[in-house]
Structures are given as C-alpha cells and as structure tokens.
Amino acid sequence: MFPIDLLDTLRESIQSHRQITWVLLLLTEPLKHSKLWQADDPARPRFAPEMWGERGIERIYDETGGWPHLVQLVAETLVDRMNDAGKGRVDDELFERGLDAAVTAGDAVLSQLLKGESRLPGEWEFLLAFRAHEAQSPPEDDEVRRSLRRRLVVVEDGDAWRLRAPLFRRWLRKRG
C-alpha cells in the first residue's frame, strides 16, 4: 500500500519530468510484486514475451516513444484485441489494429499531449503538419522550438524533426 501523497507525487513527477523513463509497467509480469499471490503461485498473471509477437515489447516501446501512459494504453488495447480475437499471441495484423484502437481509446490523453499543451501561436499548426509528413524542418519560431523540445514531443534527426512517438502521428492522421 502506498500513501496517497506518494502516488500524487509520483504522478506529478511522471507528467513533469518526461526526460526520465519511468518503468512501472511490466509487460511480462504485471503483478510480480503483488501481495495477492505468492512468488511461486502459478495462478499469478504472467505474459510470456512471445505473447507480444516478434519484437513485440520493442515495437510497443518504439510506437509509444517509451511514454509510460502510452505503453500501458497500447499494451491494454493489444490484450483486449487478442482476447476478442481468441488468439494467444499478437500477430502483425492484430498489432496494427491494436494501434488504431489505441488512438481511439487514448483520444483524450493524446489530444491533451499534442493539442492541449500547444499554447504558442503556430505550435499546434506545426504538429498538424505531421499528418502529411513524417519529418519536417524545425519550426522557425524559437519559442515554438523550445516548447516542443521541452515537451519531448519531437526528436531531431539531422536537419529534420520527427514526432517522438509514431503513435502521435497515427493519432494526428485519424483523430487530430
């Protein structure tokens, strides 16, 4: 049991310090430290790494840019889709359908991260341009550049900028 103040502090830190990778979700043993099961209890939920498909865990990390909330969103959606399909493993088709479903299920958080936090003139318009382009030149406005870097929404790739999480672009194209 964690005191509520600790959980509030942790949530605020995760939201404010995006340059830190927080590893709170375990994709293979989500309840490893739960007191509900003994360590050797065969009933304790476990997922074999193979369940996520070929390079599945890495693909989830890559698609989400490692953002903990997005990792959880995609993982939850994939498990739901896998269960709906009666499959025991995530295949390529299910992975793609899961990502599409995740942008719908995560619409509120993705909207807030991309649109809601775009407070400077031209910032949202710059992000919207990623609908049509995978990469683009950095924004001309210094404040917009600083804001997008600070928010860790983009990565620099030589002279071009890309969205940190491909899931961002998928959301922009489908819902943004």
Protein backbone atom coordinates (compact mmCIF):
# COMPACT_ATOMS: atom_id res chain seq x y z
CA MET A 1 0.00 0.00 0.00
CA PHE A 2 1.33 3.44 -0.95
CA PRO A 3 0.25 6.60 0.82
CA ILE A 4 -1.86 8.82 -1.45
CA ASP A 5 0.71 11.64 -1.18
CA LEU A 6 3.39 9.39 -2.66
CA LEU A 7 1.16 8.40 -5.57
CA ASP A 8 0.26 12.06 -6.23
CA THR A 9 3.95 13.00 -6.17
CA LEU A 10 4.85 10.13 -8.48
CA ARG A 11 2.08 11.04 -10.96
CA GLU A 12 3.18 14.70 -10.99
CA SER A 13 6.80 13.67 -11.49
CA ILE A 14 5.92 11.37 -14.40
CA GLN A 15 3.93 14.15 -16.07
CA SER A 16 6.51 16.86 -15.45
CA HIS A 17 9.79 15.02 -15.97
CA ARG A 18 9.31 13.41 -19.35
CA GLN A 19 13.04 13.12 -19.96
CA ILE A 20 13.12 10.33 -17.36
CA THR A 21 11.97 6.90 -18.48
CA TRP A 22 9.71 5.56 -15.76
CA VAL A 23 9.48 1.79 -15.77
CA LEU A 24 6.32 1.00 -13.86
CA LEU A 25 4.51 -1.31 -16.25
CA LEU A 26 5.82 -4.81 -16.55
CA LEU A 27 4.69 -6.35 -19.82
CA THR A 28 5.61 -9.87 -18.80
CA GLU A 29 4.87 -9.97 -15.06
CA PRO A 30 2.50 -7.10 -14.28
CA LEU A 31 1.76 -8.35 -10.77
CA LYS A 32 5.18 -9.69 -9.85
CA HIS A 33 5.28 -7.80 -6.55
CA SER A 34 1.60 -8.07 -5.70
CA LYS A 35 0.80 -9.38 -2.24
CA LEU A 36 -2.27 -11.12 -3.68
CA TRP A 37 -0.13 -14.03 -4.91
CA GLN A 38 2.90 -15.81 -3.57
CA ALA A 39 6.02 -15.56 -5.73
CA ASP A 40 5.70 -19.16 -6.93
CA ASP A 41 1.89 -19.15 -7.36
CA PRO A 42 1.14 -20.50 -10.86
CA ALA A 43 -2.13 -18.51 -10.86
CA ARG A 44 -0.27 -15.18 -10.70
CA PRO A 45 -0.80 -13.44 -14.06
CA ARG A 46 2.18 -13.69 -16.38
CA PHE A 47 2.70 -12.98 -20.05
CA ALA A 48 5.44 -14.73 -21.99
CA PRO A 49 7.46 -12.23 -24.02
CA GLU A 50 6.48 -14.26 -27.11
CA MET A 51 2.82 -13.40 -26.47
CA TRP A 52 3.53 -9.83 -27.65
CA GLY A 53 4.71 -11.14 -31.03
CA GLU A 54 8.02 -10.86 -32.79
CA ARG A 55 9.92 -7.95 -31.23
CA GLY A 56 6.57 -7.10 -29.61
CA ILE A 57 7.85 -5.41 -26.47
CA GLU A 58 10.36 -3.38 -28.51
CA ARG A 59 7.63 -2.46 -31.01
CA ILE A 60 5.37 -1.22 -28.22
CA TYR A 61 8.23 0.87 -26.83
CA ASP A 62 9.09 2.23 -30.29
CA GLU A 63 5.47 3.13 -31.17
CA THR A 64 4.96 4.95 -27.87
CA GLY A 65 8.34 6.60 -27.56
CA GLY A 66 8.54 4.89 -24.15
CA TRP A 67 5.91 7.18 -22.60
CA PRO A 68 4.56 5.06 -19.69
CA HIS A 69 0.92 6.02 -20.17
CA LEU A 70 1.09 5.25 -23.88
CA VAL A 71 2.90 1.94 -23.24
CA GLN A 72 0.09 0.96 -20.90
CA LEU A 73 -2.57 2.16 -23.36
CA VAL A 74 -1.14 0.12 -26.24
CA ALA A 75 -0.50 -2.98 -24.09
CA GLU A 76 -4.03 -2.92 -22.67
CA THR A 77 -5.53 -2.47 -26.12
CA LEU A 78 -3.46 -5.30 -27.57
CA VAL A 79 -4.54 -7.67 -24.79
CA ASP A 80 -8.18 -6.70 -25.34
CA ARG A 81 -7.90 -7.26 -29.12
CA MET A 82 -6.06 -10.54 -28.60
CA ASN A 83 -8.79 -11.77 -26.25
CA ASP A 84 -11.57 -10.60 -28.62
CA ALA A 85 -9.92 -12.49 -31.49
CA GLY A 86 -9.39 -15.61 -29.37
CA LYS A 87 -5.68 -15.54 -30.11
CA GLY A 88 -2.87 -16.41 -27.75
CA ARG A 89 -0.33 -14.20 -29.45
CA VAL A 90 -0.15 -10.75 -31.02
CA ASP A 91 0.50 -11.03 -34.75
CA ASP A 92 1.27 -8.18 -37.16
CA GLU A 93 -2.36 -7.63 -38.17
CA LEU A 94 -3.56 -7.59 -34.57
CA PHE A 95 -0.73 -5.21 -33.64
CA GLU A 96 -1.80 -2.73 -36.35
CA ARG A 97 -5.48 -2.99 -35.40
CA GLY A 98 -4.48 -2.55 -31.76
CA LEU A 99 -2.60 0.66 -32.53
CA ASP A 100 -5.61 2.02 -34.41
CA ALA A 101 -7.85 1.14 -31.47
CA ALA A 102 -5.38 2.70 -29.03
CA VAL A 103 -5.59 6.11 -30.73
CA THR A 104 -9.36 5.97 -30.28
CA ALA A 105 -9.21 4.73 -26.70
CA GLY A 106 -6.46 7.22 -25.86
CA ASP A 107 -8.01 10.17 -27.68
CA ALA A 108 -8.28 12.33 -24.56
CA VAL A 109 -4.67 11.88 -23.45
CA LEU A 110 -3.24 12.20 -26.96
CA SER A 111 -5.32 15.31 -27.58
CA GLN A 112 -4.07 16.85 -24.35
CA LEU A 113 -0.42 15.97 -25.02
CA LEU A 114 -0.40 17.31 -28.55
CA LYS A 115 -3.14 19.93 -28.86
CA GLY A 116 -3.90 20.91 -25.27
CA GLU A 117 -0.27 21.63 -24.43
CA SER A 118 0.31 23.56 -27.68
CA ARG A 119 -0.16 27.02 -26.24
CA LEU A 120 2.05 29.11 -28.50
CA PRO A 121 0.91 30.56 -31.83
CA GLY A 122 1.99 28.16 -34.57
CA GLU A 123 2.79 25.24 -32.26
CA TRP A 124 -0.36 23.20 -32.98
CA GLU A 125 -0.14 24.03 -36.68
CA PHE A 126 3.44 22.72 -36.75
CA LEU A 127 2.32 19.44 -35.18
CA LEU A 128 -0.63 19.16 -37.56
CA ALA A 129 1.78 19.23 -40.49
CA PHE A 130 2.97 15.78 -39.38
CA ARG A 131 -0.33 14.43 -40.74
CA ALA A 132 1.14 14.71 -44.21
CA HIS A 133 4.87 14.50 -43.48
CA GLU A 134 6.81 12.00 -41.42
CA ALA A 135 9.61 14.55 -40.99
CA GLN A 136 9.83 18.29 -41.42
CA SER A 137 12.19 21.19 -40.91
CA PRO A 138 12.22 22.61 -37.37
CA PRO A 139 9.81 25.49 -36.75
CA GLU A 140 11.21 28.92 -37.45
CA ASP A 141 9.92 30.39 -34.20
CA ASP A 142 12.48 29.96 -31.36
CA GLU A 143 9.79 29.74 -28.66
CA VAL A 144 7.91 27.02 -30.52
CA ARG A 145 11.17 25.08 -30.99
CA ARG A 146 11.97 25.36 -27.27
CA SER A 147 8.45 24.35 -26.26
CA LEU A 148 8.39 21.24 -28.45
CA ARG A 149 11.84 20.20 -27.24
CA ARG A 150 10.88 20.78 -23.60
CA ARG A 151 7.70 18.76 -24.03
CA LEU A 152 9.73 15.95 -25.66
CA VAL A 153 7.17 15.62 -28.44
CA VAL A 154 9.77 15.66 -31.21
CA VAL A 155 13.19 14.22 -31.91
CA GLU A 156 15.84 15.78 -34.08
CA ASP A 157 17.02 13.67 -36.98
CA GLY A 158 19.77 15.62 -38.71
CA ASP A 159 18.16 18.71 -40.19
CA ALA A 160 14.65 17.30 -39.81
CA TRP A 161 12.31 16.78 -36.89
CA ARG A 162 10.11 13.75 -36.31
CA LEU A 163 7.47 13.01 -33.72
CA ARG A 164 8.96 11.09 -30.80
CA ALA A 165 6.17 8.52 -30.81
CA PRO A 166 4.78 7.20 -34.11
CA LEU A 167 1.51 6.82 -32.16
CA PHE A 168 1.34 10.65 -32.15
CA ARG A 169 1.33 10.75 -35.94
CA ARG A 170 -1.22 7.95 -36.12
CA TRP A 171 -3.47 9.98 -33.79
CA LEU A 172 -2.96 13.18 -35.81
CA ARG A 173 -3.94 11.37 -39.01
CA LYS A 174 -7.02 9.66 -37.56
CA ARG A 175 -8.32 11.98 -34.87
CA GLY A 176 -6.28 15.20 -34.63
